[in-house]
N, C-alpha and C. Protein backbone atom coordinates (compact mmCIF):
# COMPACT_ATOMS: atom_id res chain seq x y z
N MET A 1 0.75 -1.41 -0.02
CA MET A 1 0.07 0.04 -0.24
C MET A 1 0.93 1.04 0.01
N PRO A 2 0.51 2.38 -0.74
CA PRO A 2 1.49 3.34 -1.39
C PRO A 2 1.36 3.86 -0.08
N ASP A 3 2.67 4.91 0.76
CA ASP A 3 2.30 5.76 1.65
C ASP A 3 1.77 6.95 1.65
N ALA A 4 2.06 7.66 0.14
CA ALA A 4 1.68 8.79 -0.13
C ALA A 4 0.19 8.84 -0.24
N ARG A 5 -0.18 8.07 -0.51
CA ARG A 5 -1.92 7.84 -0.70
C ARG A 5 -2.70 8.29 0.49
N ASN A 6 -3.57 9.58 0.18
CA ASN A 6 -4.75 9.77 1.14
C ASN A 6 -5.70 8.94 0.88
N TYR A 7 -6.38 8.65 1.97
CA TYR A 7 -7.56 8.12 2.15
C TYR A 7 -8.62 8.74 3.02
N PHE A 8 -9.66 8.46 2.56
CA PHE A 8 -11.11 9.34 2.79
C PHE A 8 -12.23 8.49 3.75
N CYS A 9 -11.67 7.06 3.59
CA CYS A 9 -12.59 6.29 4.09
C CYS A 9 -11.81 5.00 4.49
N SER A 10 -12.35 4.18 5.53
CA SER A 10 -11.50 3.40 6.18
C SER A 10 -11.61 2.04 5.34
N ILE A 11 -12.98 1.71 4.97
CA ILE A 11 -13.06 1.13 3.83
C ILE A 11 -12.32 1.06 2.78
N GLU A 12 -11.82 2.01 2.17
CA GLU A 12 -10.89 2.27 1.13
C GLU A 12 -9.71 1.85 1.20
N VAL A 13 -9.31 1.85 2.81
CA VAL A 13 -7.94 1.34 3.05
C VAL A 13 -7.93 0.16 3.24
N ALA A 14 -9.04 -0.87 3.69
CA ALA A 14 -9.09 -2.24 3.52
C ALA A 14 -9.22 -2.58 2.09
N LEU A 15 -10.10 -1.94 1.21
CA LEU A 15 -10.15 -2.57 0.11
C LEU A 15 -9.05 -2.60 -0.71
N ASP A 16 -8.11 -1.44 -0.67
CA ASP A 16 -6.72 -1.27 -0.98
C ASP A 16 -6.02 -2.60 -0.92
N CYS A 17 -6.13 -3.12 0.58
CA CYS A 17 -5.10 -4.23 0.70
C CYS A 17 -5.60 -5.51 -0.38
N ILE A 18 -6.95 -5.56 -0.23
CA ILE A 18 -7.35 -6.77 -0.73
C ILE A 18 -7.60 -6.29 -2.20
N SER A 19 -7.53 -5.71 -2.51
CA SER A 19 -7.95 -5.32 -4.27
C SER A 19 -7.10 -5.96 -5.21
N GLY A 20 -7.58 -6.74 -5.99
CA GLY A 20 -6.73 -7.72 -6.99
C GLY A 20 -7.48 -8.87 -6.96
N LYS A 21 -7.25 -9.17 -8.29
CA LYS A 21 -8.26 -10.29 -8.95
C LYS A 21 -8.48 -11.63 -8.02
N TRP A 22 -6.89 -11.81 -7.29
CA TRP A 22 -6.95 -13.36 -6.54
C TRP A 22 -6.83 -13.24 -5.17
N LYS A 23 -6.23 -11.60 -4.57
CA LYS A 23 -5.99 -11.42 -3.39
C LYS A 23 -7.09 -12.12 -2.47
N PRO A 24 -8.69 -11.97 -2.41
CA PRO A 24 -9.38 -12.30 -1.54
C PRO A 24 -9.11 -14.14 -1.81
N ALA A 25 -9.05 -14.75 -2.70
CA ALA A 25 -8.93 -15.95 -2.73
C ALA A 25 -7.89 -16.37 -2.11
N ILE A 26 -6.65 -15.84 -2.75
CA ILE A 26 -5.22 -16.57 -1.40
C ILE A 26 -5.93 -16.35 -0.36
N VAL A 27 -6.11 -15.02 0.59
CA VAL A 27 -6.57 -14.94 1.87
C VAL A 27 -7.19 -15.94 2.41
N TYR A 28 -8.11 -16.29 1.56
CA TYR A 28 -9.32 -17.18 1.76
C TYR A 28 -8.89 -18.42 1.79
N ARG A 29 -7.92 -18.56 0.95
CA ARG A 29 -7.58 -20.21 0.74
C ARG A 29 -6.10 -20.33 1.85
N LEU A 30 -5.60 -19.58 2.55
CA LEU A 30 -4.54 -19.55 3.80
C LEU A 30 -5.01 -19.32 4.95
N LYS A 31 -6.00 -19.31 4.95
CA LYS A 31 -7.07 -19.67 6.23
C LYS A 31 -6.86 -20.93 7.05
N GLY A 32 -6.31 -21.87 6.66
CA GLY A 32 -6.63 -22.99 7.16
C GLY A 32 -4.99 -23.18 7.55
N GLY A 33 -4.15 -22.34 7.29
CA GLY A 33 -2.61 -22.33 7.72
C GLY A 33 -1.63 -22.46 6.30
N ALA A 34 -0.63 -22.53 6.57
CA ALA A 34 0.58 -22.04 5.58
C ALA A 34 0.35 -23.20 4.61
N LEU A 35 0.62 -22.85 3.02
CA LEU A 35 0.61 -23.92 2.19
C LEU A 35 2.13 -22.96 1.25
N ARG A 36 2.41 -24.33 0.90
CA ARG A 36 3.53 -23.89 -0.38
C ARG A 36 3.10 -23.65 -1.49
N PHE A 37 3.71 -22.57 -2.29
CA PHE A 37 3.15 -22.09 -3.47
C PHE A 37 2.59 -22.88 -4.49
N THR A 38 2.83 -24.29 -4.70
CA THR A 38 2.25 -25.19 -5.42
C THR A 38 1.03 -25.46 -5.13
N GLU A 39 0.83 -25.82 -4.00
CA GLU A 39 -0.54 -26.31 -3.28
C GLU A 39 -1.11 -24.82 -3.32
N LEU A 40 -0.95 -23.64 -3.02
CA LEU A 40 -1.92 -22.87 -3.48
C LEU A 40 -2.31 -22.36 -4.71
N HIS A 41 -1.35 -22.73 -5.56
CA HIS A 41 -1.64 -22.58 -7.10
C HIS A 41 -2.79 -23.88 -7.49
N ARG A 42 -2.82 -24.66 -7.11
CA ARG A 42 -3.82 -25.97 -7.19
C ARG A 42 -5.14 -25.55 -6.59
N GLN A 43 -4.91 -24.68 -5.54
CA GLN A 43 -6.27 -24.22 -4.78
C GLN A 43 -6.95 -22.80 -5.38
N VAL A 44 -6.10 -22.08 -6.20
CA VAL A 44 -6.62 -20.99 -7.20
C VAL A 44 -5.82 -21.33 -8.34
N PRO A 45 -6.45 -22.20 -9.57
CA PRO A 45 -5.60 -22.72 -10.50
C PRO A 45 -5.84 -21.86 -11.53
N GLN A 46 -7.13 -20.71 -11.41
CA GLN A 46 -7.07 -19.65 -12.66
C GLN A 46 -6.32 -18.57 -12.57
N ALA A 47 -5.72 -18.37 -11.69
CA ALA A 47 -4.61 -17.76 -11.28
C ALA A 47 -3.32 -18.21 -12.33
N SER A 48 -2.73 -17.51 -12.92
CA SER A 48 -1.68 -17.49 -13.39
C SER A 48 -0.28 -17.92 -12.49
N ARG A 49 0.60 -18.39 -12.75
CA ARG A 49 1.92 -18.74 -11.54
C ARG A 49 2.28 -17.08 -11.47
N LYS A 50 2.48 -16.43 -12.62
CA LYS A 50 3.36 -15.06 -12.76
C LYS A 50 2.45 -14.08 -11.64
N VAL A 51 1.01 -14.16 -11.86
CA VAL A 51 0.19 -13.32 -11.42
C VAL A 51 -0.05 -13.65 -9.57
N LEU A 52 -0.12 -14.91 -9.15
CA LEU A 52 -0.38 -15.52 -8.22
C LEU A 52 0.78 -14.97 -7.31
N THR A 53 1.95 -15.08 -8.20
CA THR A 53 3.65 -14.52 -7.43
C THR A 53 3.44 -13.10 -7.11
N GLU A 54 2.90 -12.42 -7.84
CA GLU A 54 2.78 -10.77 -7.50
C GLU A 54 1.77 -10.22 -6.60
N GLN A 55 0.32 -11.35 -6.61
CA GLN A 55 -0.15 -10.77 -5.71
C GLN A 55 0.33 -11.31 -3.93
N LEU A 56 0.92 -12.33 -4.36
CA LEU A 56 1.28 -12.80 -2.85
C LEU A 56 2.62 -11.81 -2.28
N ARG A 57 3.47 -11.30 -3.39
CA ARG A 57 4.11 -10.08 -3.04
C ARG A 57 3.79 -8.92 -2.65
N GLN A 58 2.62 -8.81 -3.48
CA GLN A 58 1.94 -7.55 -2.96
C GLN A 58 1.15 -7.63 -1.34
N LEU A 59 0.76 -8.73 -0.97
CA LEU A 59 -0.13 -9.31 0.30
C LEU A 59 1.08 -8.98 1.18
N GLU A 60 2.52 -9.65 0.67
CA GLU A 60 3.20 -9.41 1.48
C GLU A 60 4.12 -8.06 2.14
N ALA A 61 3.79 -7.04 1.31
CA ALA A 61 4.03 -5.93 1.57
C ALA A 61 3.16 -5.16 1.94
N ASP A 62 1.74 -5.14 1.90
CA ASP A 62 0.90 -4.82 2.87
C ASP A 62 0.55 -5.62 4.54
N GLY A 63 1.54 -6.55 4.60
CA GLY A 63 1.58 -6.98 5.94
C GLY A 63 0.73 -8.15 6.05
N LEU A 64 -0.29 -8.89 5.24
CA LEU A 64 -0.95 -9.77 5.31
C LEU A 64 -0.36 -11.24 5.11
N VAL A 65 0.39 -11.33 4.09
CA VAL A 65 0.76 -12.43 4.22
C VAL A 65 2.82 -12.89 4.89
N VAL A 66 3.21 -13.61 5.06
CA VAL A 66 4.41 -13.85 5.44
C VAL A 66 5.15 -15.18 4.77
N ARG A 67 6.14 -15.05 4.19
CA ARG A 67 6.95 -15.79 3.56
C ARG A 67 8.01 -16.65 4.28
N ILE A 68 7.76 -18.11 4.33
CA ILE A 68 8.28 -18.57 5.30
C ILE A 68 9.63 -19.47 4.47
N ALA A 69 10.71 -19.46 4.90
CA ALA A 69 11.93 -20.17 4.18
C ALA A 69 11.61 -21.56 4.66
N LEU A 70 11.71 -22.56 4.00
CA LEU A 70 12.19 -24.15 4.61
C LEU A 70 13.20 -24.50 4.25
N ASP A 71 14.00 -23.91 5.82
CA ASP A 71 16.03 -24.24 5.59
C ASP A 71 15.98 -25.73 5.54
N ASP A 72 15.19 -26.84 5.94
CA ASP A 72 15.30 -27.75 6.18
C ASP A 72 15.24 -28.49 4.57
N GLU A 73 15.07 -28.15 3.79
CA GLU A 73 14.78 -28.74 2.59
C GLU A 73 15.80 -28.17 1.36
N VAL A 74 16.31 -29.08 0.85
CA VAL A 74 17.16 -29.29 -0.32
C VAL A 74 16.31 -29.52 -1.71
N PRO A 75 16.14 -28.88 -2.81
CA PRO A 75 16.34 -27.59 -3.03
C PRO A 75 15.69 -26.83 -1.62
N ARG A 76 16.03 -25.65 -1.23
CA ARG A 76 15.04 -25.06 -0.18
C ARG A 76 13.82 -24.25 -0.83
N GLY A 77 12.74 -24.24 0.09
CA GLY A 77 11.45 -24.38 -0.45
C GLY A 77 10.93 -23.06 0.38
N VAL A 78 10.10 -22.70 0.23
CA VAL A 78 9.35 -21.47 0.92
C VAL A 78 7.82 -21.97 1.06
N CYS A 79 6.88 -21.39 2.16
CA CYS A 79 5.73 -21.69 2.07
C CYS A 79 5.02 -20.15 2.57
N TYR A 80 3.57 -19.95 2.17
CA TYR A 80 3.20 -18.55 2.78
C TYR A 80 2.17 -18.59 4.01
N ASP A 81 2.03 -17.74 4.59
CA ASP A 81 1.16 -18.08 5.36
C ASP A 81 0.66 -16.96 6.42
N LEU A 82 -0.63 -16.56 6.63
CA LEU A 82 -1.30 -15.43 7.09
C LEU A 82 -0.79 -14.62 8.05
N THR A 83 -0.61 -13.43 8.33
CA THR A 83 -0.34 -12.89 9.44
C THR A 83 -0.98 -12.72 10.35
N ALA A 84 -1.05 -12.12 11.74
CA ALA A 84 -2.25 -11.93 12.63
C ALA A 84 -3.11 -10.81 12.29
N VAL A 85 -2.33 -9.98 11.55
CA VAL A 85 -3.29 -8.87 10.69
C VAL A 85 -4.14 -9.27 9.95
N ALA A 86 -4.07 -10.26 9.17
CA ALA A 86 -4.79 -11.57 8.02
C ALA A 86 -5.52 -11.64 8.56
N GLN A 87 -5.35 -12.18 9.85
CA GLN A 87 -6.42 -13.33 10.44
C GLN A 87 -7.76 -12.10 11.07
N GLY A 88 -7.56 -11.50 11.12
CA GLY A 88 -8.41 -10.16 11.67
C GLY A 88 -9.27 -10.00 10.28
N LEU A 89 -8.75 -9.97 9.16
CA LEU A 89 -9.69 -9.77 8.05
C LEU A 89 -10.57 -11.50 7.87
N LEU A 90 -10.27 -12.17 8.25
CA LEU A 90 -10.98 -13.65 7.90
C LEU A 90 -12.45 -13.40 8.18
N PRO A 91 -12.89 -12.95 9.05
CA PRO A 91 -14.32 -12.53 9.66
C PRO A 91 -15.33 -11.51 8.50
N ALA A 92 -14.52 -10.93 8.06
CA ALA A 92 -15.20 -9.75 6.95
C ALA A 92 -15.22 -10.86 5.43
N LEU A 93 -14.29 -11.33 5.32
CA LEU A 93 -14.22 -12.23 4.37
C LEU A 93 -15.14 -13.28 4.24
N ARG A 94 -15.30 -13.94 5.32
CA ARG A 94 -16.51 -14.87 5.37
C ARG A 94 -17.93 -14.00 5.48
N LEU A 95 -17.87 -13.18 5.52
CA LEU A 95 -19.48 -12.04 5.36
C LEU A 95 -19.55 -11.84 3.98
N LEU A 96 -18.27 -11.48 3.36
CA LEU A 96 -18.39 -11.40 1.79
C LEU A 96 -18.85 -12.60 0.99
N HIS A 97 -18.10 -13.73 1.66
CA HIS A 97 -18.27 -15.00 0.94
C HIS A 97 -19.51 -15.61 1.03
N ASP A 98 -20.31 -15.38 2.34
CA ASP A 98 -21.78 -15.48 2.36
C ASP A 98 -22.53 -14.83 1.60
N TRP A 99 -22.25 -13.20 1.39
CA TRP A 99 -23.16 -12.55 0.82
C TRP A 99 -22.95 -12.82 -0.37
N GLY A 100 -21.66 -13.00 -1.28
CA GLY A 100 -21.52 -13.41 -2.51
C GLY A 100 -22.62 -14.61 -3.29
N ILE A 101 -22.80 -15.82 -1.97
CA ILE A 101 -23.42 -16.60 -2.43
C ILE A 101 -24.86 -16.79 -2.41
N ALA A 102 -25.30 -15.64 -1.57
CA ALA A 102 -26.84 -15.29 -1.86
C ALA A 102 -27.09 -14.46 -2.70
N HIS A 103 -26.28 -13.37 -3.02
CA HIS A 103 -26.56 -12.94 -4.28
C HIS A 103 -26.54 -13.20 -5.59
N ALA A 104 -25.51 -14.42 -5.44
CA ALA A 104 -25.36 -15.20 -6.95
C ALA A 104 -26.54 -15.83 -6.93
N GLN A 105 -27.43 -16.45 -6.13
CA GLN A 105 -28.87 -17.36 -6.08
C GLN A 105 -29.61 -15.94 -6.33
N ARG A 106 -29.91 -14.68 -5.80
CA ARG A 106 -30.85 -13.81 -6.38
C ARG A 106 -30.77 -13.21 -7.58
N GLN A 107 -29.47 -13.44 -8.35
CA GLN A 107 -29.51 -12.67 -9.48
C GLN A 107 -29.45 -14.03 -10.40
N HIS A 108 -29.76 -15.09 -10.08
CA HIS A 108 -29.31 -16.57 -10.89
C HIS A 108 -28.15 -16.49 -11.51
N LEU A 109 -27.01 -16.41 -10.74
CA LEU A 109 -25.46 -16.23 -11.23
C LEU A 109 -25.33 -17.48 -11.14
N HIS A 110 -24.38 -18.76 -11.77
CA HIS A 110 -23.53 -19.55 -11.96
C HIS A 110 -22.46 -19.10 -11.11
N LEU A 111 -22.25 -19.95 -9.87
CA LEU A 111 -21.21 -19.90 -9.04
C LEU A 111 -20.82 -21.12 -8.90
N ARG A 112 -19.68 -21.22 -9.21
CA ARG A 112 -19.07 -22.56 -9.56
C ARG A 112 -17.56 -22.77 -8.37
N LEU A 113 -18.17 -23.44 -7.35
CA LEU A 113 -16.79 -23.01 -6.00
C LEU A 113 -15.85 -24.08 -5.86
N LEU A 114 -14.57 -24.01 -5.92
CA LEU A 114 -13.70 -25.15 -6.38
C LEU A 114 -13.45 -25.84 -5.12
N ASP A 115 -13.88 -25.61 -4.18
CA ASP A 115 -13.81 -26.81 -2.63
C ASP A 115 -14.67 -26.05 -2.10
N GLU A 116 -16.16 -26.87 -2.36
CA GLU A 116 -17.13 -26.97 -1.32
C GLU A 116 -17.05 -27.12 -0.33
N ARG A 117 -16.20 -28.12 0.17
CA ARG A 117 -15.68 -28.38 1.81
C ARG A 117 -14.93 -26.87 2.38
N ALA A 118 -14.09 -26.67 1.91
CA ALA A 118 -13.37 -25.47 2.46
C ALA A 118 -14.28 -24.20 2.44
N ASP A 119 -14.90 -24.27 1.44
CA ASP A 119 -15.84 -22.64 1.32
C ASP A 119 -17.07 -22.64 2.60
N ASN A 120 -17.38 -24.20 2.98
CA ASN A 120 -18.50 -24.47 4.12
C ASN A 120 -18.24 -24.34 4.96
N GLU A 121 -16.68 -24.40 5.46
CA GLU A 121 -15.99 -24.21 6.76
C GLU A 121 -16.34 -23.19 7.47
N ASP A 122 -16.23 -23.09 8.64
CA ASP A 122 -16.63 -21.69 9.33
C ASP A 122 -15.71 -21.28 9.62
N ALA A 123 -15.72 -19.95 9.13
CA ALA A 123 -14.41 -18.79 9.53
C ALA A 123 -14.13 -19.10 10.94
N PRO A 124 -12.37 -18.96 11.08
CA PRO A 124 -11.72 -18.86 12.51
C PRO A 124 -12.58 -18.19 13.34
């Protein structure tokens, strides 16, 4: 999030952190714990590897995601996890998730959930 930007609404600050085609999905998928890049990409397959990397870097810069080096592996691997700041965002994302399902039904929109089981879990 750029420091020089002036915000006129607190919602604008929050949306700036999660705006991006795949950021909400990334945060929502990491709610269950740390994932390696390949595991995360499997859960958000529509995102290209390049875009997923960019979105993860932005989330990391905004303090929502932490990149963890797995030093005990050769070659050295990494995984991604939510920060405590991002954990505070999960209830709001759950509300958006529920609202999206209800709105899709009201508007007769086709909604294809990638992982019904994960999407129906209670938010932490």
